Amino acid sequence: MAYRKRTLRSMLPVTRKVARLIGEVESTQRRLKNLIPELQRMELESRAMLESMKGLPENDRREEELFTSN
């Protein structure tokens, strides 16, 4: 949880830096947590695409890779 400015001011310098770092870590953790559903969706889509490409002849796979590499 983020500290209020007033609370940070009353802390000693080293403690203040640690408190700020803790806040930054918590913020990063929340952002990463919010990415999980999107990553799951992307992983499922990529697996489905690979499964659909298994039935294609070798030449078609190379052409498909050219179009999807961007």
PDB file of N, CA and C in Angstrom:
ATOM      1  N   MET A   1       0.834  -1.166   0.000  1.00  0.00           N
ATOM      2  CA  MET A   1       0.000   0.000   0.000  1.00  0.00           C
ATOM      3  C   MET A   1       0.886   1.239   0.000  1.00  0.00           C
ATOM      4  N   ALA A   2       0.514   2.212  -0.775  1.00  0.00           N
ATOM      5  CA  ALA A   2       1.297   3.434  -0.888  1.00  0.00           C
ATOM      6  C   ALA A   2       1.210   4.252   0.397  1.00  0.00           C
ATOM      7  N   TYR A   3       2.309   4.876   0.724  1.00  0.00           N
ATOM      8  CA  TYR A   3       2.347   5.740   1.888  1.00  0.00           C
ATOM      9  C   TYR A   3       1.958   7.156   1.495  1.00  0.00           C
ATOM     10  N   ARG A   4       1.337   7.848   2.397  1.00  0.00           N
ATOM     11  CA  ARG A   4       1.008   9.251   2.148  1.00  0.00           C
ATOM     12  C   ARG A   4       2.280  10.086   2.234  1.00  0.00           C
ATOM     13  N   LYS A   5       2.244  11.203   1.560  1.00  0.00           N
ATOM     14  CA  LYS A   5       3.404  12.085   1.540  1.00  0.00           C
ATOM     15  C   LYS A   5       3.788  12.511   2.957  1.00  0.00           C
ATOM     16  N   ARG A   6       2.794  12.795   3.748  1.00  0.00           N
ATOM     17  CA  ARG A   6       3.035  13.235   5.126  1.00  0.00           C
ATOM     18  C   ARG A   6       3.736  12.145   5.928  1.00  0.00           C
ATOM     19  N   THR A   7       3.329  10.906   5.726  1.00  0.00           N
ATOM     20  CA  THR A   7       3.950   9.784   6.428  1.00  0.00           C
ATOM     21  C   THR A   7       5.392   9.618   5.984  1.00  0.00           C
ATOM     22  N   LEU A   8       5.629   9.730   4.681  1.00  0.00           N
ATOM     23  CA  LEU A   8       7.000   9.596   4.162  1.00  0.00           C
ATOM     24  C   LEU A   8       7.910  10.693   4.709  1.00  0.00           C
ATOM     25  N   ARG A   9       7.403  11.894   4.830  1.00  0.00           N
ATOM     26  CA  ARG A   9       8.220  12.999   5.348  1.00  0.00           C
ATOM     27  C   ARG A   9       8.691  12.756   6.766  1.00  0.00           C
ATOM     28  N   SER A  10       7.867  12.078   7.555  1.00  0.00           N
ATOM     29  CA  SER A  10       8.236  11.857   8.954  1.00  0.00           C
ATOM     30  C   SER A  10       9.241  10.717   9.122  1.00  0.00           C
ATOM     31  N   MET A  11       9.494   9.965   8.062  1.00  0.00           N
ATOM     32  CA  MET A  11      10.426   8.839   8.139  1.00  0.00           C
ATOM     33  C   MET A  11      11.860   9.323   7.955  1.00  0.00           C
ATOM     34  N   LEU A  12      12.777   8.525   8.480  1.00  0.00           N
ATOM     35  CA  LEU A  12      14.192   8.792   8.252  1.00  0.00           C
ATOM     36  C   LEU A  12      14.516   8.477   6.792  1.00  0.00           C
ATOM     37  N   PRO A  13      15.578   9.075   6.247  1.00  0.00           N
ATOM     38  CA  PRO A  13      15.875   8.933   4.807  1.00  0.00           C
ATOM     39  C   PRO A  13      15.949   7.490   4.291  1.00  0.00           C
ATOM     40  N   VAL A  14      16.646   6.622   5.011  1.00  0.00           N
ATOM     41  CA  VAL A  14      16.786   5.241   4.529  1.00  0.00           C
ATOM     42  C   VAL A  14      15.433   4.540   4.570  1.00  0.00           C
ATOM     43  N   THR A  15      14.688   4.751   5.639  1.00  0.00           N
ATOM     44  CA  THR A  15      13.360   4.147   5.761  1.00  0.00           C
ATOM     45  C   THR A  15      12.447   4.656   4.656  1.00  0.00           C
ATOM     46  N   ARG A  16      12.542   5.929   4.339  1.00  0.00           N
ATOM     47  CA  ARG A  16      11.729   6.528   3.280  1.00  0.00           C
ATOM     48  C   ARG A  16      12.031   5.878   1.934  1.00  0.00           C
ATOM     49  N   LYS A  17      13.311   5.658   1.653  1.00  0.00           N
ATOM     50  CA  LYS A  17      13.692   5.023   0.386  1.00  0.00           C
ATOM     51  C   LYS A  17      13.150   3.598   0.299  1.00  0.00           C
ATOM     52  N   VAL A  18      13.243   2.868   1.408  1.00  0.00           N
ATOM     53  CA  VAL A  18      12.737   1.494   1.428  1.00  0.00           C
ATOM     54  C   VAL A  18      11.230   1.496   1.239  1.00  0.00           C
ATOM     55  N   ALA A  19      10.525   2.420   1.890  1.00  0.00           N
ATOM     56  CA  ALA A  19       9.068   2.506   1.750  1.00  0.00           C
ATOM     57  C   ALA A  19       8.687   2.803   0.304  1.00  0.00           C
ATOM     58  N   ARG A  20       9.426   3.687  -0.340  1.00  0.00           N
ATOM     59  CA  ARG A  20       9.150   3.994  -1.751  1.00  0.00           C
ATOM     60  C   ARG A  20       9.399   2.775  -2.628  1.00  0.00           C
ATOM     61  N   LEU A  21      10.473   2.050  -2.362  1.00  0.00           N
ATOM     62  CA  LEU A  21      10.766   0.840  -3.136  1.00  0.00           C
ATOM     63  C   LEU A  21       9.668  -0.213  -2.952  1.00  0.00           C
ATOM     64  N   ILE A  22       9.188  -0.353  -1.737  1.00  0.00           N
ATOM     65  CA  ILE A  22       8.106  -1.302  -1.482  1.00  0.00           C
ATOM     66  C   ILE A  22       6.872  -0.915  -2.284  1.00  0.00           C
ATOM     67  N   GLY A  23       6.552   0.375  -2.303  1.00  0.00           N
ATOM     68  CA  GLY A  23       5.412   0.842  -3.088  1.00  0.00           C
ATOM     69  C   GLY A  23       5.586   0.561  -4.568  1.00  0.00           C
ATOM     70  N   GLU A  24       6.798   0.759  -5.055  1.00  0.00           N
ATOM     71  CA  GLU A  24       7.085   0.508  -6.468  1.00  0.00           C
ATOM     72  C   GLU A  24       6.949  -0.979  -6.805  1.00  0.00           C
ATOM     73  N   VAL A  25       7.444  -1.838  -5.923  1.00  0.00           N
ATOM     74  CA  VAL A  25       7.342  -3.289  -6.127  1.00  0.00           C
ATOM     75  C   VAL A  25       5.874  -3.717  -6.135  1.00  0.00           C
ATOM     76  N   GLU A  26       5.091  -3.192  -5.224  1.00  0.00           N
ATOM     77  CA  GLU A  26       3.667  -3.541  -5.177  1.00  0.00           C
ATOM     78  C   GLU A  26       2.947  -3.090  -6.446  1.00  0.00           C
ATOM     79  N   SER A  27       3.300  -1.916  -6.936  1.00  0.00           N
ATOM     80  CA  SER A  27       2.699  -1.407  -8.165  1.00  0.00           C
ATOM     81  C   SER A  27       3.056  -2.307  -9.349  1.00  0.00           C
ATOM     82  N   THR A  28       4.314  -2.690  -9.430  1.00  0.00           N
ATOM     83  CA  THR A  28       4.758  -3.573 -10.512  1.00  0.00           C
ATOM     84  C   THR A  28       4.064  -4.924 -10.420  1.00  0.00           C
ATOM     85  N   GLN A  29       3.914  -5.424  -9.210  1.00  0.00           N
ATOM     86  CA  GLN A  29       3.231  -6.700  -9.011  1.00  0.00           C
ATOM     87  C   GLN A  29       1.786  -6.629  -9.506  1.00  0.00           C
ATOM     88  N   ARG A  30       1.098  -5.546  -9.208  1.00  0.00           N
ATOM     89  CA  ARG A  30      -0.291  -5.381  -9.670  1.00  0.00           C
ATOM     90  C   ARG A  30      -0.362  -5.346 -11.192  1.00  0.00           C
ATOM     91  N   ARG A  31       0.573  -4.612 -11.810  1.00  0.00           N
ATOM     92  CA  ARG A  31       0.564  -4.543 -13.278  1.00  0.00           C
ATOM     93  C   ARG A  31       0.821  -5.900 -13.902  1.00  0.00           C
ATOM     94  N   LEU A  32       1.764  -6.655 -13.353  1.00  0.00           N
ATOM     95  CA  LEU A  32       2.048  -7.989 -13.879  1.00  0.00           C
ATOM     96  C   LEU A  32       0.858  -8.918 -13.686  1.00  0.00           C
ATOM     97  N   LYS A  33       0.204  -8.814 -12.534  1.00  0.00           N
ATOM     98  CA  LYS A  33      -0.976  -9.625 -12.270  1.00  0.00           C
ATOM     99  C   LYS A  33      -2.066  -9.343 -13.291  1.00  0.00           C
ATOM    100  N   ASN A  34      -2.201  -8.087 -13.688  1.00  0.00           N
ATOM    101  CA  ASN A  34      -3.226  -7.710 -14.662  1.00  0.00           C
ATOM    102  C   ASN A  34      -2.904  -8.210 -16.064  1.00  0.00           C
ATOM    103  N   LEU A  35      -1.652  -8.559 -16.320  1.00  0.00           N
ATOM    104  CA  LEU A  35      -1.255  -9.067 -17.632  1.00  0.00           C
ATOM    105  C   LEU A  35      -1.561 -10.555 -17.813  1.00  0.00           C
ATOM    106  N   ILE A  36      -1.752 -11.266 -16.725  1.00  0.00           N
ATOM    107  CA  ILE A  36      -1.922 -12.722 -16.790  1.00  0.00           C
ATOM    108  C   ILE A  36      -3.058 -13.146 -17.720  1.00  0.00           C
ATOM    109  N   PRO A  37      -4.277 -12.581 -17.613  1.00  0.00           N
ATOM    110  CA  PRO A  37      -5.346 -13.029 -18.526  1.00  0.00           C
ATOM    111  C   PRO A  37      -4.993 -12.818 -20.005  1.00  0.00           C
ATOM    112  N   GLU A  38      -4.351 -11.702 -20.311  1.00  0.00           N
ATOM    113  CA  GLU A  38      -3.977 -11.442 -21.703  1.00  0.00           C
ATOM    114  C   GLU A  38      -2.927 -12.446 -22.175  1.00  0.00           C
ATOM    115  N   LEU A  39      -1.959 -12.754 -21.323  1.00  0.00           N
ATOM    116  CA  LEU A  39      -0.936 -13.739 -21.678  1.00  0.00           C
ATOM    117  C   LEU A  39      -1.543 -15.123 -21.875  1.00  0.00           C
ATOM    118  N   GLN A  40      -2.519 -15.487 -21.040  1.00  0.00           N
ATOM    119  CA  GLN A  40      -3.186 -16.774 -21.197  1.00  0.00           C
ATOM    120  C   GLN A  40      -3.900 -16.845 -22.546  1.00  0.00           C
ATOM    121  N   ARG A  41      -4.598 -15.775 -22.905  1.00  0.00           N
ATOM    122  CA  ARG A  41      -5.302 -15.740 -24.182  1.00  0.00           C
ATOM    123  C   ARG A  41      -4.327 -15.873 -25.342  1.00  0.00           C
ATOM    124  N   MET A  42      -3.217 -15.137 -25.274  1.00  0.00           N
ATOM    125  CA  MET A  42      -2.234 -15.184 -26.350  1.00  0.00           C
ATOM    126  C   MET A  42      -1.606 -16.572 -26.476  1.00  0.00           C
ATOM    127  N   GLU A  43      -1.353 -17.219 -25.333  1.00  0.00           N
ATOM    128  CA  GLU A  43      -0.772 -18.555 -25.367  1.00  0.00           C
ATOM    129  C   GLU A  43      -1.733 -19.550 -26.000  1.00  0.00           C
ATOM    130  N   LEU A  44      -3.007 -19.463 -25.649  1.00  0.00           N
ATOM    131  CA  LEU A  44      -3.994 -20.357 -26.242  1.00  0.00           C
ATOM    132  C   LEU A  44      -4.100 -20.144 -27.752  1.00  0.00           C
ATOM    133  N   GLU A  45      -4.096 -18.883 -28.174  1.00  0.00           N
ATOM    134  CA  GLU A  45      -4.177 -18.584 -29.607  1.00  0.00           C
ATOM    135  C   GLU A  45      -2.955 -19.100 -30.351  1.00  0.00           C
ATOM    136  N   SER A  46      -1.777 -18.958 -29.766  1.00  0.00           N
ATOM    137  CA  SER A  46      -0.569 -19.429 -30.452  1.00  0.00           C
ATOM    138  C   SER A  46      -0.546 -20.950 -30.541  1.00  0.00           C
ATOM    139  N   ARG A  47      -1.018 -21.623 -29.472  1.00  0.00           N
ATOM    140  CA  ARG A  47      -1.093 -23.087 -29.534  1.00  0.00           C
ATOM    141  C   ARG A  47      -2.090 -23.537 -30.594  1.00  0.00           C
ATOM    142  N   ALA A  48      -3.219 -22.846 -30.681  1.00  0.00           N
ATOM    143  CA  ALA A  48      -4.227 -23.192 -31.688  1.00  0.00           C
ATOM    144  C   ALA A  48      -3.666 -22.979 -33.085  1.00  0.00           C
ATOM    145  N   MET A  49      -2.921 -21.911 -33.273  1.00  0.00           N
ATOM    146  CA  MET A  49      -2.338 -21.633 -34.583  1.00  0.00           C
ATOM    147  C   MET A  49      -1.332 -22.726 -34.950  1.00  0.00           C
ATOM    148  N   LEU A  50      -0.510 -23.139 -33.982  1.00  0.00           N
ATOM    149  CA  LEU A  50       0.460 -24.207 -34.252  1.00  0.00           C
ATOM    150  C   LEU A  50      -0.245 -25.515 -34.579  1.00  0.00           C
ATOM    151  N   GLU A  51      -1.307 -25.815 -33.868  1.00  0.00           N
ATOM    152  CA  GLU A  51      -2.067 -27.035 -34.148  1.00  0.00           C
ATOM    153  C   GLU A  51      -2.669 -26.983 -35.548  1.00  0.00           C
ATOM    154  N   SER A  52      -3.169 -25.816 -35.952  1.00  0.00           N
ATOM    155  CA  SER A  52      -3.773 -25.704 -37.281  1.00  0.00           C
ATOM    156  C   SER A  52      -2.721 -25.797 -38.379  1.00  0.00           C
ATOM    157  N   MET A  53      -1.488 -25.418 -38.058  1.00  0.00           N
ATOM    158  CA  MET A  53      -0.426 -25.472 -39.057  1.00  0.00           C
ATOM    159  C   MET A  53       0.135 -26.881 -39.227  1.00  0.00           C
ATOM    160  N   LYS A  54      -0.113 -27.779 -38.297  1.00  0.00           N
ATOM    161  CA  LYS A  54       0.434 -29.137 -38.394  1.00  0.00           C
ATOM    162  C   LYS A  54      -0.069 -29.872 -39.633  1.00  0.00           C
ATOM    163  N   GLY A  55      -1.290 -29.574 -40.050  1.00  0.00           N
ATOM    164  CA  GLY A  55      -1.849 -30.256 -41.211  1.00  0.00           C
ATOM    165  C   GLY A  55      -1.428 -29.657 -42.538  1.00  0.00           C
ATOM    166  N   LEU A  56      -0.774 -28.527 -42.525  1.00  0.00           N
ATOM    167  CA  LEU A  56      -0.373 -27.860 -43.767  1.00  0.00           C
ATOM    168  C   LEU A  56       0.888 -28.491 -44.338  1.00  0.00           C
ATOM    169  N   PRO A  57       1.023 -28.498 -45.669  1.00  0.00           N
ATOM    170  CA  PRO A  57       2.283 -28.945 -46.280  1.00  0.00           C
ATOM    171  C   PRO A  57       3.414 -27.992 -45.888  1.00  0.00           C
ATOM    172  N   GLU A  58       4.632 -28.451 -46.009  1.00  0.00           N
ATOM    173  CA  GLU A  58       5.806 -27.681 -45.582  1.00  0.00           C
ATOM    174  C   GLU A  58       5.878 -26.311 -46.246  1.00  0.00           C
ATOM    175  N   ASN A  59       5.596 -26.218 -47.550  1.00  0.00           N
ATOM    176  CA  ASN A  59       5.673 -24.929 -48.256  1.00  0.00           C
ATOM    177  C   ASN A  59       4.667 -23.931 -47.698  1.00  0.00           C
ATOM    178  N   ASP A  60       3.468 -24.377 -47.397  1.00  0.00           N
ATOM    179  CA  ASP A  60       2.446 -23.482 -46.851  1.00  0.00           C
ATOM    180  C   ASP A  60       2.837 -22.992 -45.472  1.00  0.00           C
ATOM    181  N   ARG A  61       3.501 -23.830 -44.699  1.00  0.00           N
ATOM    182  CA  ARG A  61       3.925 -23.427 -43.357  1.00  0.00           C
ATOM    183  C   ARG A  61       4.916 -22.276 -43.434  1.00  0.00           C
ATOM    184  N   ARG A  62       5.840 -22.371 -44.387  1.00  0.00           N
ATOM    185  CA  ARG A  62       6.833 -21.290 -44.527  1.00  0.00           C
ATOM    186  C   ARG A  62       6.155 -19.992 -44.919  1.00  0.00           C
ATOM    187  N   GLU A  63       5.211 -20.040 -45.830  1.00  0.00           N
ATOM    188  CA  GLU A  63       4.483 -18.833 -46.229  1.00  0.00           C
ATOM    189  C   GLU A  63       3.690 -18.275 -45.046  1.00  0.00           C
ATOM    190  N   GLU A  64       3.095 -19.157 -44.274  1.00  0.00           N
ATOM    191  CA  GLU A  64       2.321 -18.743 -43.097  1.00  0.00           C
ATOM    192  C   GLU A  64       3.239 -18.043 -42.086  1.00  0.00           C
ATOM    193  N   GLU A  65       4.439 -18.578 -41.875  1.00  0.00           N
ATOM    194  CA  GLU A  65       5.384 -17.981 -40.946  1.00  0.00           C
ATOM    195  C   GLU A  65       5.806 -16.586 -41.409  1.00  0.00           C
ATOM    196  N   LEU A  66       5.931 -16.393 -42.716  1.00  0.00           N
ATOM    197  CA  LEU A  66       6.303 -15.085 -43.247  1.00  0.00           C
ATOM    198  C   LEU A  66       5.231 -14.045 -42.920  1.00  0.00           C
ATOM    199  N   PHE A  67       3.974 -14.451 -43.029  1.00  0.00           N
ATOM    200  CA  PHE A  67       2.887 -13.510 -42.787  1.00  0.00           C
ATOM    201  C   PHE A  67       2.679 -13.242 -41.305  1.00  0.00           C
ATOM    202  N   THR A  68       2.978 -14.190 -40.448  1.00  0.00           N
ATOM    203  CA  THR A  68       2.729 -14.032 -39.005  1.00  0.00           C
ATOM    204  C   THR A  68       3.929 -13.519 -38.253  1.00  0.00           C
ATOM    205  N   SER A  69       5.082 -13.367 -38.876  1.00  0.00           N
ATOM    206  CA  SER A  69       6.273 -12.943 -38.151  1.00  0.00           C
ATOM    207  C   SER A  69       6.227 -11.472 -37.772  1.00  0.00           C
ATOM    208  N   ASN A  70       5.370 -10.676 -38.388  1.00  0.00           N
ATOM    209  CA  ASN A  70       5.313  -9.238 -38.059  1.00  0.00           C
ATOM    210  C   ASN A  70       4.579  -9.043 -36.852  1.00  0.00           C
TER     211      ASN A  70
END
